[in-house]
């Protein structure tokens, strides 16, 4: 057995009950021993599904708003990056032109000596 498996299992096992309780369905299950009628159980399940659908719709709206703000921020950052890139390209062109001029000045100084 791998030497890393035992410490990993010891770290994970205390949290298994929390994970199982979190993923357990939140909806009412049909039980044979319940005395409620099938209609009442069905109405309860429908109500739970409607509540879950409303919560999902709220979460989707919230995620859409977050996504919209994220996209707006990304567009703003992209525009800023484009401006900075243009400025850097212009500065590089100016620096290259100055270096070419200084090269010709140096060559002229050497030839006139």
PDB file of N, CA and C in Angstrom:
ATOM      1  N   UNK A   1       0.841  -1.172   0.000  1.00  0.00           N
ATOM      2  CA  UNK A   1       0.000   0.000   0.000  1.00  0.00           C
ATOM      3  C   UNK A   1       0.892   1.242   0.000  1.00  0.00           C
ATOM      4  N   UNK A   2       0.449   2.251  -0.690  1.00  0.00           N
ATOM      5  CA  UNK A   2       1.245   3.470  -0.794  1.00  0.00           C
ATOM      6  C   UNK A   2       1.370   4.142   0.572  1.00  0.00           C
ATOM      7  N   UNK A   3       2.531   4.718   0.819  1.00  0.00           N
ATOM      8  CA  UNK A   3       2.788   5.314   2.125  1.00  0.00           C
ATOM      9  C   UNK A   3       1.983   6.591   2.350  1.00  0.00           C
ATOM     10  N   UNK A   4       1.551   7.249   1.318  1.00  0.00           N
ATOM     11  CA  UNK A   4       0.793   8.480   1.451  1.00  0.00           C
ATOM     12  C   UNK A   4      -0.685   8.236   1.687  1.00  0.00           C
ATOM     13  N   UNK A   5      -1.160   6.987   1.455  1.00  0.00           N
ATOM     14  CA  UNK A   5      -2.586   6.696   1.520  1.00  0.00           C
ATOM     15  C   UNK A   5      -3.115   6.720   2.950  1.00  0.00           C
ATOM     16  N   UNK A   6      -2.388   6.174   3.890  1.00  0.00           N
ATOM     17  CA  UNK A   6      -2.870   6.098   5.273  1.00  0.00           C
ATOM     18  C   UNK A   6      -3.011   7.489   5.902  1.00  0.00           C
ATOM     19  N   UNK A   7      -2.013   8.372   5.809  1.00  0.00           N
ATOM     20  CA  UNK A   7      -2.227   9.720   6.371  1.00  0.00           C
ATOM     21  C   UNK A   7      -3.349  10.480   5.673  1.00  0.00           C
ATOM     22  N   UNK A   8      -3.501  10.243   4.384  1.00  0.00           N
ATOM     23  CA  UNK A   8      -4.581  10.902   3.651  1.00  0.00           C
ATOM     24  C   UNK A   8      -5.937  10.428   4.152  1.00  0.00           C
ATOM     25  N   UNK A   9      -6.072   9.120   4.334  1.00  0.00           N
ATOM     26  CA  UNK A   9      -7.333   8.577   4.851  1.00  0.00           C
ATOM     27  C   UNK A   9      -7.608   9.090   6.258  1.00  0.00           C
ATOM     28  N   UNK A  10      -6.585   9.171   7.093  1.00  0.00           N
ATOM     29  CA  UNK A  10      -6.772   9.679   8.460  1.00  0.00           C
ATOM     30  C   UNK A  10      -7.213  11.134   8.443  1.00  0.00           C
ATOM     31  N   UNK A  11      -6.767  11.896   7.462  1.00  0.00           N
ATOM     32  CA  UNK A  11      -7.162  13.298   7.363  1.00  0.00           C
ATOM     33  C   UNK A  11      -8.567  13.449   6.807  1.00  0.00           C
ATOM     34  N   UNK A  12      -8.985  12.530   5.948  1.00  0.00           N
ATOM     35  CA  UNK A  12     -10.267  12.649   5.264  1.00  0.00           C
ATOM     36  C   UNK A  12     -11.418  12.040   6.053  1.00  0.00           C
ATOM     37  N   UNK A  13     -11.202  10.916   6.714  1.00  0.00           N
ATOM     38  CA  UNK A  13     -12.286  10.188   7.362  1.00  0.00           C
ATOM     39  C   UNK A  13     -13.095  10.998   8.377  1.00  0.00           C
ATOM     40  N   UNK A  14     -12.522  11.878   9.179  1.00  0.00           N
ATOM     41  CA  UNK A  14     -13.371  12.646  10.099  1.00  0.00           C
ATOM     42  C   UNK A  14     -14.369  13.558   9.395  1.00  0.00           C
ATOM     43  N   UNK A  15     -14.121  13.896   8.151  1.00  0.00           N
ATOM     44  CA  UNK A  15     -14.984  14.834   7.434  1.00  0.00           C
ATOM     45  C   UNK A  15     -15.995  14.142   6.523  1.00  0.00           C
ATOM     46  N   UNK A  16     -15.978  12.826   6.468  1.00  0.00           N
ATOM     47  CA  UNK A  16     -16.876  12.100   5.567  1.00  0.00           C
ATOM     48  C   UNK A  16     -18.330  12.327   5.956  1.00  0.00           C
ATOM     49  N   UNK A  17     -18.639  12.319   7.249  1.00  0.00           N
ATOM     50  CA  UNK A  17     -20.036  12.510   7.671  1.00  0.00           C
ATOM     51  C   UNK A  17     -20.543  13.896   7.267  1.00  0.00           C
ATOM     52  N   UNK A  18     -19.680  14.914   7.337  1.00  0.00           N
ATOM     53  CA  UNK A  18     -20.086  16.253   6.917  1.00  0.00           C
ATOM     54  C   UNK A  18     -20.387  16.285   5.426  1.00  0.00           C
ATOM     55  N   UNK A  19     -19.548  15.627   4.655  1.00  0.00           N
ATOM     56  CA  UNK A  19     -19.752  15.599   3.202  1.00  0.00           C
ATOM     57  C   UNK A  19     -21.029  14.851   2.857  1.00  0.00           C
ATOM     58  N   UNK A  20     -21.257  13.723   3.514  1.00  0.00           N
ATOM     59  CA  UNK A  20     -22.462  12.926   3.227  1.00  0.00           C
ATOM     60  C   UNK A  20     -23.713  13.701   3.612  1.00  0.00           C
ATOM     61  N   UNK A  21     -23.689  14.382   4.747  1.00  0.00           N
ATOM     62  CA  UNK A  21     -24.871  15.153   5.143  1.00  0.00           C
ATOM     63  C   UNK A  21     -25.103  16.334   4.208  1.00  0.00           C
ATOM     64  N   UNK A  22     -24.047  16.860   3.615  1.00  0.00           N
ATOM     65  CA  UNK A  22     -24.202  17.993   2.698  1.00  0.00           C
ATOM     66  C   UNK A  22     -24.771  17.562   1.355  1.00  0.00           C
ATOM     67  N   UNK A  23     -24.427  16.378   0.918  1.00  0.00           N
ATOM     68  CA  UNK A  23     -24.892  15.940  -0.397  1.00  0.00           C
ATOM     69  C   UNK A  23     -26.183  15.136  -0.326  1.00  0.00           C
ATOM     70  N   UNK A  24     -26.668  14.879   0.859  1.00  0.00           N
ATOM     71  CA  UNK A  24     -27.925  14.153   1.010  1.00  0.00           C
ATOM     72  C   UNK A  24     -29.046  15.001   0.433  1.00  0.00           C
ATOM     73  N   UNK A  25     -29.956  14.389  -0.280  1.00  0.00           N
ATOM     74  CA  UNK A  25     -31.035  15.178  -0.899  1.00  0.00           C
ATOM     75  C   UNK A  25     -31.833  15.958   0.143  1.00  0.00           C
ATOM     76  N   UNK A  26     -32.206  17.153  -0.227  1.00  0.00           N
ATOM     77  CA  UNK A  26     -32.977  18.008   0.675  1.00  0.00           C
ATOM     78  C   UNK A  26     -34.467  17.814   0.476  1.00  0.00           C
ATOM     79  N   UNK A  27     -34.863  16.953  -0.421  1.00  0.00           N
ATOM     80  CA  UNK A  27     -36.271  16.765  -0.718  1.00  0.00           C
ATOM     81  C   UNK A  27     -36.868  15.634   0.108  1.00  0.00           C
ATOM     82  N   UNK A  28     -38.156  15.672   0.274  1.00  0.00           N
ATOM     83  CA  UNK A  28     -38.870  14.650   1.026  1.00  0.00           C
ATOM     84  C   UNK A  28     -38.857  13.348   0.256  1.00  0.00           C
ATOM     85  N   UNK A  29     -38.548  12.289   0.954  1.00  0.00           N
ATOM     86  CA  UNK A  29     -38.557  10.985   0.304  1.00  0.00           C
ATOM     87  C   UNK A  29     -39.873  10.278   0.613  1.00  0.00           C
ATOM     88  N   UNK A  30     -40.240   9.416  -0.283  1.00  0.00           N
ATOM     89  CA  UNK A  30     -41.448   8.629  -0.109  1.00  0.00           C
ATOM     90  C   UNK A  30     -41.113   7.472   0.821  1.00  0.00           C
ATOM     91  N   UNK A  31     -41.779   7.409   1.967  1.00  0.00           N
ATOM     92  CA  UNK A  31     -41.518   6.347   2.926  1.00  0.00           C
ATOM     93  C   UNK A  31     -42.768   5.487   3.056  1.00  0.00           C
ATOM     94  N   UNK A  32     -42.537   4.214   3.187  1.00  0.00           N
ATOM     95  CA  UNK A  32     -43.659   3.282   3.293  1.00  0.00           C
ATOM     96  C   UNK A  32     -44.347   3.387   4.645  1.00  0.00           C
ATOM     97  N   UNK A  33     -43.603   3.752   5.688  1.00  0.00           N
ATOM     98  CA  UNK A  33     -44.182   3.766   7.017  1.00  0.00           C
ATOM     99  C   UNK A  33     -44.901   5.075   7.357  1.00  0.00           C
ATOM    100  N   UNK A  34     -44.878   6.052   6.478  1.00  0.00           N
ATOM    101  CA  UNK A  34     -45.554   7.311   6.777  1.00  0.00           C
ATOM    102  C   UNK A  34     -47.055   7.138   6.647  1.00  0.00           C
ATOM    103  N   UNK A  35     -47.757   7.899   7.453  1.00  0.00           N
ATOM    104  CA  UNK A  35     -49.220   7.788   7.449  1.00  0.00           C
ATOM    105  C   UNK A  35     -49.868   8.880   6.606  1.00  0.00           C
ATOM    106  N   UNK A  36     -49.062   9.755   6.032  1.00  0.00           N
ATOM    107  CA  UNK A  36     -49.640  10.811   5.208  1.00  0.00           C
ATOM    108  C   UNK A  36     -50.107  10.226   3.888  1.00  0.00           C
ATOM    109  N   UNK A  37     -51.085  10.851   3.326  1.00  0.00           N
ATOM    110  CA  UNK A  37     -51.624  10.345   2.065  1.00  0.00           C
ATOM    111  C   UNK A  37     -50.673  10.682   0.923  1.00  0.00           C
ATOM    112  N   UNK A  38     -50.857   9.990  -0.180  1.00  0.00           N
ATOM    113  CA  UNK A  38     -49.999  10.189  -1.345  1.00  0.00           C
ATOM    114  C   UNK A  38     -50.177  11.599  -1.903  1.00  0.00           C
ATOM    115  N   UNK A  39     -51.381  12.126  -1.816  1.00  0.00           N
ATOM    116  CA  UNK A  39     -51.643  13.480  -2.312  1.00  0.00           C
ATOM    117  C   UNK A  39     -50.920  14.529  -1.496  1.00  0.00           C
ATOM    118  N   UNK A  40     -50.913  14.356  -0.155  1.00  0.00           N
ATOM    119  CA  UNK A  40     -50.204  15.302   0.697  1.00  0.00           C
ATOM    120  C   UNK A  40     -48.704  15.249   0.447  1.00  0.00           C
ATOM    121  N   UNK A  41     -48.190  14.029   0.291  1.00  0.00           N
ATOM    122  CA  UNK A  41     -46.763  13.862   0.021  1.00  0.00           C
ATOM    123  C   UNK A  41     -46.400  14.489  -1.318  1.00  0.00           C
ATOM    124  N   UNK A  42     -47.258  14.284  -2.306  1.00  0.00           N
ATOM    125  CA  UNK A  42     -47.010  14.850  -3.631  1.00  0.00           C
ATOM    126  C   UNK A  42     -47.048  16.375  -3.580  1.00  0.00           C
ATOM    127  N   UNK A  43     -47.998  16.942  -2.847  1.00  0.00           N
ATOM    128  CA  UNK A  43     -48.073  18.394  -2.710  1.00  0.00           C
ATOM    129  C   UNK A  43     -46.839  18.949  -1.998  1.00  0.00           C
ATOM    130  N   UNK A  44     -46.376  18.227  -0.984  1.00  0.00           N
ATOM    131  CA  UNK A  44     -45.177  18.657  -0.267  1.00  0.00           C
ATOM    132  C   UNK A  44     -43.957  18.628  -1.187  1.00  0.00           C
ATOM    133  N   UNK A  45     -43.836  17.569  -1.972  1.00  0.00           N
ATOM    134  CA  UNK A  45     -42.702  17.463  -2.895  1.00  0.00           C
ATOM    135  C   UNK A  45     -42.773  18.539  -3.973  1.00  0.00           C
ATOM    136  N   UNK A  46     -43.960  18.833  -4.470  1.00  0.00           N
ATOM    137  CA  UNK A  46     -44.123  19.889  -5.475  1.00  0.00           C
ATOM    138  C   UNK A  46     -43.733  21.237  -4.885  1.00  0.00           C
ATOM    139  N   UNK A  47     -44.153  21.480  -3.658  1.00  0.00           N
ATOM    140  CA  UNK A  47     -43.785  22.726  -2.995  1.00  0.00           C
ATOM    141  C   UNK A  47     -42.278  22.850  -2.823  1.00  0.00           C
ATOM    142  N   UNK A  48     -41.631  21.742  -2.444  1.00  0.00           N
ATOM    143  CA  UNK A  48     -40.176  21.762  -2.297  1.00  0.00           C
ATOM    144  C   UNK A  48     -39.482  22.003  -3.623  1.00  0.00           C
ATOM    145  N   UNK A  49     -39.989  21.400  -4.687  1.00  0.00           N
ATOM    146  CA  UNK A  49     -39.408  21.617  -6.015  1.00  0.00           C
ATOM    147  C   UNK A  49     -39.596  23.053  -6.475  1.00  0.00           C
ATOM    148  N   UNK A  50     -40.749  23.638  -6.186  1.00  0.00           N
ATOM    149  CA  UNK A  50     -40.976  25.033  -6.562  1.00  0.00           C
ATOM    150  C   UNK A  50     -40.047  25.962  -5.784  1.00  0.00           C
ATOM    151  N   UNK A  51     -39.846  25.675  -4.507  1.00  0.00           N
ATOM    152  CA  UNK A  51     -38.923  26.478  -3.700  1.00  0.00           C
ATOM    153  C   UNK A  51     -37.506  26.363  -4.241  1.00  0.00           C
ATOM    154  N   UNK A  52     -37.103  25.133  -4.578  1.00  0.00           N
ATOM    155  CA  UNK A  52     -35.758  24.920  -5.123  1.00  0.00           C
ATOM    156  C   UNK A  52     -35.601  25.632  -6.464  1.00  0.00           C
ATOM    157  N   UNK A  53     -36.651  25.588  -7.300  1.00  0.00           N
ATOM    158  CA  UNK A  53     -36.579  26.268  -8.597  1.00  0.00           C
ATOM    159  C   UNK A  53     -36.482  27.775  -8.413  1.00  0.00           C
ATOM    160  N   UNK A  54     -37.193  28.330  -7.448  1.00  0.00           N
ATOM    161  CA  UNK A  54     -37.119  29.768  -7.191  1.00  0.00           C
ATOM    162  C   UNK A  54     -35.732  30.150  -6.678  1.00  0.00           C
ATOM    163  N   UNK A  55     -35.163  29.323  -5.797  1.00  0.00           N
ATOM    164  CA  UNK A  55     -33.816  29.591  -5.302  1.00  0.00           C
ATOM    165  C   UNK A  55     -32.805  29.503  -6.440  1.00  0.00           C
ATOM    166  N   UNK A  56     -32.973  28.513  -7.325  1.00  0.00           N
ATOM    167  CA  UNK A  56     -32.067  28.389  -8.472  1.00  0.00           C
ATOM    168  C   UNK A  56     -32.173  29.608  -9.376  1.00  0.00           C
ATOM    169  N   UNK A  57     -33.379  30.101  -9.580  1.00  0.00           N
ATOM    170  CA  UNK A  57     -33.559  31.287 -10.421  1.00  0.00           C
ATOM    171  C   UNK A  57     -32.870  32.496  -9.788  1.00  0.00           C
ATOM    172  N   UNK A  58     -32.994  32.644  -8.475  1.00  0.00           N
ATOM    173  CA  UNK A  58     -32.314  33.748  -7.789  1.00  0.00           C
ATOM    174  C   UNK A  58     -30.803  33.621  -7.912  1.00  0.00           C
ATOM    175  N   UNK A  59     -30.303  32.406  -7.748  1.00  0.00           N
ATOM    176  CA  UNK A  59     -28.857  32.185  -7.863  1.00  0.00           C
ATOM    177  C   UNK A  59     -28.365  32.458  -9.282  1.00  0.00           C
ATOM    178  N   UNK A  60     -29.164  32.070 -10.259  1.00  0.00           N
ATOM    179  CA  UNK A  60     -28.784  32.312 -11.657  1.00  0.00           C
ATOM    180  C   UNK A  60     -28.751  33.814 -11.941  1.00  0.00           C
ATOM    181  N   UNK A  61     -29.718  34.560 -11.412  1.00  0.00           N
ATOM    182  CA  UNK A  61     -29.719  36.013 -11.600  1.00  0.00           C
ATOM    183  C   UNK A  61     -28.489  36.636 -10.945  1.00  0.00           C
ATOM    184  N   UNK A  62     -28.152  36.158  -9.754  1.00  0.00           N
ATOM    185  CA  UNK A  62     -26.981  36.682  -9.057  1.00  0.00           C
ATOM    186  C   UNK A  62     -25.702  36.363  -9.828  1.00  0.00           C
ATOM    187  N   UNK A  63     -25.598  35.136 -10.327  1.00  0.00           N
ATOM    188  CA  UNK A  63     -24.426  34.761 -11.125  1.00  0.00           C
ATOM    189  C   UNK A  63     -24.344  35.566 -12.414  1.00  0.00           C
ATOM    190  N   UNK A  64     -25.494  35.826 -13.029  1.00  0.00           N
ATOM    191  CA  UNK A  64     -25.498  36.624 -14.262  1.00  0.00           C
ATOM    192  C   UNK A  64     -25.021  38.042 -13.981  1.00  0.00           C
ATOM    193  N   UNK A  65     -25.440  38.604 -12.859  1.00  0.00           N
ATOM    194  CA  UNK A  65     -24.990  39.955 -12.505  1.00  0.00           C
ATOM    195  C   UNK A  65     -23.489  39.971 -12.236  1.00  0.00           C
ATOM    196  N   UNK A  66     -22.995  38.940 -11.547  1.00  0.00           N
ATOM    197  CA  UNK A  66     -21.557  38.849 -11.287  1.00  0.00           C
ATOM    198  C   UNK A  66     -20.783  38.674 -12.586  1.00  0.00           C
ATOM    199  N   UNK A  67     -21.306  37.852 -13.481  1.00  0.00           N
ATOM    200  CA  UNK A  67     -20.653  37.636 -14.770  1.00  0.00           C
ATOM    201  C   UNK A  67     -20.634  38.922 -15.587  1.00  0.00           C
ATOM    202  N   UNK A  68     -21.727  39.669 -15.541  1.00  0.00           N
ATOM    203  CA  UNK A  68     -21.790  40.932 -16.280  1.00  0.00           C
ATOM    204  C   UNK A  68     -20.759  41.922 -15.739  1.00  0.00           C
ATOM    205  N   UNK A  69     -20.640  42.009 -14.424  1.00  0.00           N
ATOM    206  CA  UNK A  69     -19.651  42.931 -13.863  1.00  0.00           C
ATOM    207  C   UNK A  69     -18.234  42.454 -14.153  1.00  0.00           C
ATOM    208  N   UNK A  70     -18.030  41.145 -14.162  1.00  0.00           N
ATOM    209  CA  UNK A  70     -16.706  40.605 -14.483  1.00  0.00           C
ATOM    210  C   UNK A  70     -16.333  40.904 -15.931  1.00  0.00           C
ATOM    211  N   UNK A  71     -17.272  40.720 -16.834  1.00  0.00           N
ATOM    212  CA  UNK A  71     -17.015  40.997 -18.244  1.00  0.00           C
ATOM    213  C   UNK A  71     -16.738  42.486 -18.447  1.00  0.00           C
ATOM    214  N   UNK A  72     -17.477  43.336 -17.760  1.00  0.00           N
ATOM    215  CA  UNK A  72     -17.239  44.782 -17.873  1.00  0.00           C
ATOM    216  C   UNK A  72     -15.843  45.140 -17.363  1.00  0.00           C
ATOM    217  N   UNK A  73     -15.456  44.521 -16.250  1.00  0.00           N
ATOM    218  CA  UNK A  73     -14.114  44.776 -15.710  1.00  0.00           C
ATOM    219  C   UNK A  73     -13.037  44.269 -16.661  1.00  0.00           C
ATOM    220  N   UNK A  74     -13.266  43.123 -17.269  1.00  0.00           N
ATOM    221  CA  UNK A  74     -12.306  42.583 -18.233  1.00  0.00           C
ATOM    222  C   UNK A  74     -12.195  43.470 -19.466  1.00  0.00           C
ATOM    223  N   UNK A  75     -13.326  43.982 -19.936  1.00  0.00           N
ATOM    224  CA  UNK A  75     -13.284  44.883 -21.089  1.00  0.00           C
ATOM    225  C   UNK A  75     -12.525  46.159 -20.753  1.00  0.00           C
ATOM    226  N   UNK A  76     -12.747  46.689 -19.560  1.00  0.00           N
ATOM    227  CA  UNK A  76     -12.039  47.894 -19.136  1.00  0.00           C
ATOM    228  C   UNK A  76     -10.541  47.623 -19.023  1.00  0.00           C
ATOM    229  N   UNK A  77     -10.174  46.480 -18.464  1.00  0.00           N
ATOM    230  CA  UNK A  77      -8.757  46.122 -18.335  1.00  0.00           C
ATOM    231  C   UNK A  77      -8.124  45.901 -19.709  1.00  0.00           C
ATOM    232  N   UNK A  78      -8.878  45.316 -20.635  1.00  0.00           N
ATOM    233  CA  UNK A  78      -8.355  45.102 -21.985  1.00  0.00           C
ATOM    234  C   UNK A  78      -8.119  46.433 -22.693  1.00  0.00           C
ATOM    235  N   UNK A  79      -9.042  47.368 -22.521  1.00  0.00           N
ATOM    236  CA  UNK A  79      -8.860  48.691 -23.134  1.00  0.00           C
ATOM    237  C   UNK A  79      -7.643  49.397 -22.542  1.00  0.00           C
ATOM    238  N   UNK A  80      -7.467  49.308 -21.243  1.00  0.00           N
ATOM    239  CA  UNK A  80      -6.313  49.911 -20.592  1.00  0.00           C
ATOM    240  C   UNK A  80      -5.016  49.256 -21.061  1.00  0.00           C
ATOM    241  N   UNK A  81      -5.034  47.939 -21.188  1.00  0.00           N
ATOM    242  CA  UNK A  81      -3.843  47.223 -21.660  1.00  0.00           C
ATOM    243  C   UNK A  81      -3.517  47.601 -23.101  1.00  0.00           C
ATOM    244  N   UNK A  82      -4.546  47.803 -23.912  1.00  0.00           N
ATOM    245  CA  UNK A  82      -4.318  48.203 -25.302  1.00  0.00           C
ATOM    246  C   UNK A  82      -3.684  49.585 -25.380  1.00  0.00           C
ATOM    247  N   UNK A  83      -4.155  50.505 -24.547  1.00  0.00           N
ATOM    248  CA  UNK A  83      -3.574  51.852 -24.514  1.00  0.00           C
ATOM    249  C   UNK A  83      -2.118  51.776 -24.075  1.00  0.00           C
ATOM    250  N   UNK A  84      -1.849  50.990 -23.044  1.00  0.00           N
ATOM    251  CA  UNK A  84      -0.467  50.856 -22.571  1.00  0.00           C
ATOM    252  C   UNK A  84       0.423  50.201 -23.622  1.00  0.00           C
ATOM    253  N   UNK A  85      -0.111  49.228 -24.346  1.00  0.00           N
ATOM    254  CA  UNK A  85       0.669  48.575 -25.402  1.00  0.00           C
ATOM    255  C   UNK A  85       0.999  49.560 -26.513  1.00  0.00           C
ATOM    256  N   UNK A  86       0.030  50.353 -26.917  1.00  0.00           N
ATOM    257  CA  UNK A  86       0.295  51.362 -27.946  1.00  0.00           C
ATOM    258  C   UNK A  86       1.362  52.342 -27.494  1.00  0.00           C
ATOM    259  N   UNK A  87       1.266  52.780 -26.231  1.00  0.00           N
ATOM    260  CA  UNK A  87       2.261  53.703 -25.689  1.00  0.00           C
ATOM    261  C   UNK A  87       3.647  53.056 -25.682  1.00  0.00           C
ATOM    262  N   UNK A  88       3.723  51.791 -25.324  1.00  0.00           N
ATOM    263  CA  UNK A  88       5.011  51.091 -25.301  1.00  0.00           C
ATOM    264  C   UNK A  88       5.576  50.946 -26.705  1.00  0.00           C
ATOM    265  N   UNK A  89       4.721  50.671 -27.689  1.00  0.00           N
ATOM    266  CA  UNK A  89       5.183  50.550 -29.067  1.00  0.00           C
ATOM    267  C   UNK A  89       5.722  51.882 -29.564  1.00  0.00           C
ATOM    268  N   UNK A  90       5.028  52.957 -29.240  1.00  0.00           N
ATOM    269  CA  UNK A  90       5.497  54.290 -29.650  1.00  0.00           C
ATOM    270  C   UNK A  90       6.833  54.599 -28.993  1.00  0.00           C
ATOM    271  N   UNK A  91       6.963  54.304 -27.707  1.00  0.00           N
ATOM    272  CA  UNK A  91       8.226  54.547 -27.018  1.00  0.00           C
ATOM    273  C   UNK A  91       9.359  53.709 -27.606  1.00  0.00           C
ATOM    274  N   UNK A  92       9.072  52.474 -27.976  1.00  0.00           N
ATOM    275  CA  UNK A  92      10.092  51.627 -28.603  1.00  0.00           C
ATOM    276  C   UNK A  92      10.510  52.186 -29.955  1.00  0.00           C
ATOM    277  N   UNK A  93       9.551  52.676 -30.720  1.00  0.00           N
ATOM    278  CA  UNK A  93       9.875  53.261 -32.023  1.00  0.00           C
ATOM    279  C   UNK A  93      10.723  54.513 -31.850  1.00  0.00           C
ATOM    280  N   UNK A  94      10.374  55.347 -30.873  1.00  0.00           N
ATOM    281  CA  UNK A  94      11.152  56.555 -30.615  1.00  0.00           C
ATOM    282  C   UNK A  94      12.565  56.177 -30.163  1.00  0.00           C
ATOM    283  N   UNK A  95      12.669  55.193 -29.275  1.00  0.00           N
ATOM    284  CA  UNK A  95      13.989  54.762 -28.794  1.00  0.00           C
ATOM    285  C   UNK A  95      14.814  54.189 -29.936  1.00  0.00           C
ATOM    286  N   UNK A  96      14.184  53.441 -30.833  1.00  0.00           N
ATOM    287  CA  UNK A  96      14.907  52.885 -31.973  1.00  0.00           C
ATOM    288  C   UNK A  96      15.379  54.004 -32.908  1.00  0.00           C
ATOM    289  N   UNK A  97      14.530  54.987 -33.138  1.00  0.00           N
ATOM    290  CA  UNK A  97      14.919  56.108 -33.993  1.00  0.00           C
ATOM    291  C   UNK A  97      16.077  56.883 -33.368  1.00  0.00           C
ATOM    292  N   UNK A  98      16.035  57.118 -32.082  1.00  0.00           N
ATOM    293  CA  UNK A  98      17.126  57.827 -31.402  1.00  0.00           C
ATOM    294  C   UNK A  98      18.414  57.016 -31.473  1.00  0.00           C
ATOM    295  N   UNK A  99      18.306  55.699 -31.315  1.00  0.00           N
ATOM    296  CA  UNK A  99      19.524  54.875 -31.376  1.00  0.00           C
ATOM    297  C   UNK A  99      20.115  54.854 -32.784  1.00  0.00           C
ATOM    298  N   UNK A 100      19.273  54.845 -33.807  1.00  0.00           N
ATOM    299  CA  UNK A 100      19.776  54.887 -35.179  1.00  0.00           C
ATOM    300  C   UNK A 100      20.459  56.229 -35.441  1.00  0.00           C
ATOM    301  N   UNK A 101      19.845  57.321 -35.001  1.00  0.00           N
ATOM    302  CA  UNK A 101      20.450  58.655 -35.169  1.00  0.00           C
ATOM    303  C   UNK A 101      21.771  58.723 -34.424  1.00  0.00           C
ATOM    304  N   UNK A 102      21.821  58.201 -33.195  1.00  0.00           N
ATOM    305  CA  UNK A 102      23.073  58.244 -32.428  1.00  0.00           C
ATOM    306  C   UNK A 102      24.141  57.359 -33.067  1.00  0.00           C
ATOM    307  N   UNK A 103      23.742  56.254 -33.696  1.00  0.00           N
ATOM    308  CA  UNK A 103      24.699  55.408 -34.415  1.00  0.00           C
ATOM    309  C   UNK A 103      25.308  56.175 -35.586  1.00  0.00           C
ATOM    310  N   UNK A 104      24.470  56.892 -36.361  1.00  0.00           N
ATOM    311  CA  UNK A 104      24.987  57.676 -37.478  1.00  0.00           C
ATOM    312  C   UNK A 104      25.879  58.824 -36.994  1.00  0.00           C
ATOM    313  N   UNK A 105      25.525  59.448 -35.902  1.00  0.00           N
ATOM    314  CA  UNK A 105      26.362  60.520 -35.332  1.00  0.00           C
ATOM    315  C   UNK A 105      27.715  59.955 -34.910  1.00  0.00           C
ATOM    316  N   UNK A 106      27.706  58.783 -34.282  1.00  0.00           N
ATOM    317  CA  UNK A 106      28.968  58.154 -33.843  1.00  0.00           C
ATOM    318  C   UNK A 106      29.823  57.776 -35.046  1.00  0.00           C
ATOM    319  N   UNK A 107      29.195  57.237 -36.094  1.00  0.00           N
ATOM    320  CA  UNK A 107      29.936  56.876 -37.303  1.00  0.00           C
ATOM    321  C   UNK A 107      30.510  58.136 -37.987  1.00  0.00           C
ATOM    322  N   UNK A 108      29.723  59.197 -38.010  1.00  0.00           N
ATOM    323  CA  UNK A 108      30.182  60.448 -38.607  1.00  0.00           C
ATOM    324  C   UNK A 108      31.352  61.021 -37.803  1.00  0.00           C
ATOM    325  N   UNK A 109      31.281  60.927 -36.495  1.00  0.00           N
ATOM    326  CA  UNK A 109      32.361  61.422 -35.646  1.00  0.00           C
ATOM    327  C   UNK A 109      33.634  60.619 -35.868  1.00  0.00           C
ATOM    328  N   UNK A 110      33.500  59.318 -36.067  1.00  0.00           N
ATOM    329  CA  UNK A 110      34.669  58.487 -36.326  1.00  0.00           C
ATOM    330  C   UNK A 110      35.268  58.767 -37.693  1.00  0.00           C
ATOM    331  N   UNK A 111      34.424  58.987 -38.671  1.00  0.00           N
ATOM    332  CA  UNK A 111      34.935  59.218 -40.022  1.00  0.00           C
ATOM    333  C   UNK A 111      35.554  60.613 -40.171  1.00  0.00           C
ATOM    334  N   UNK A 112      35.133  61.591 -39.394  1.00  0.00           N
ATOM    335  CA  UNK A 112      35.656  62.945 -39.480  1.00  0.00           C
ATOM    336  C   UNK A 112      36.953  63.121 -38.643  1.00  0.00           C
ATOM    337  N   UNK A 113      37.314  62.209 -37.932  1.00  0.00           N
ATOM    338  CA  UNK A 113      38.496  62.301 -37.079  1.00  0.00           C
ATOM    339  C   UNK A 113      39.720  62.270 -37.873  1.00  0.00           C
TER     340      UNK A 113
END
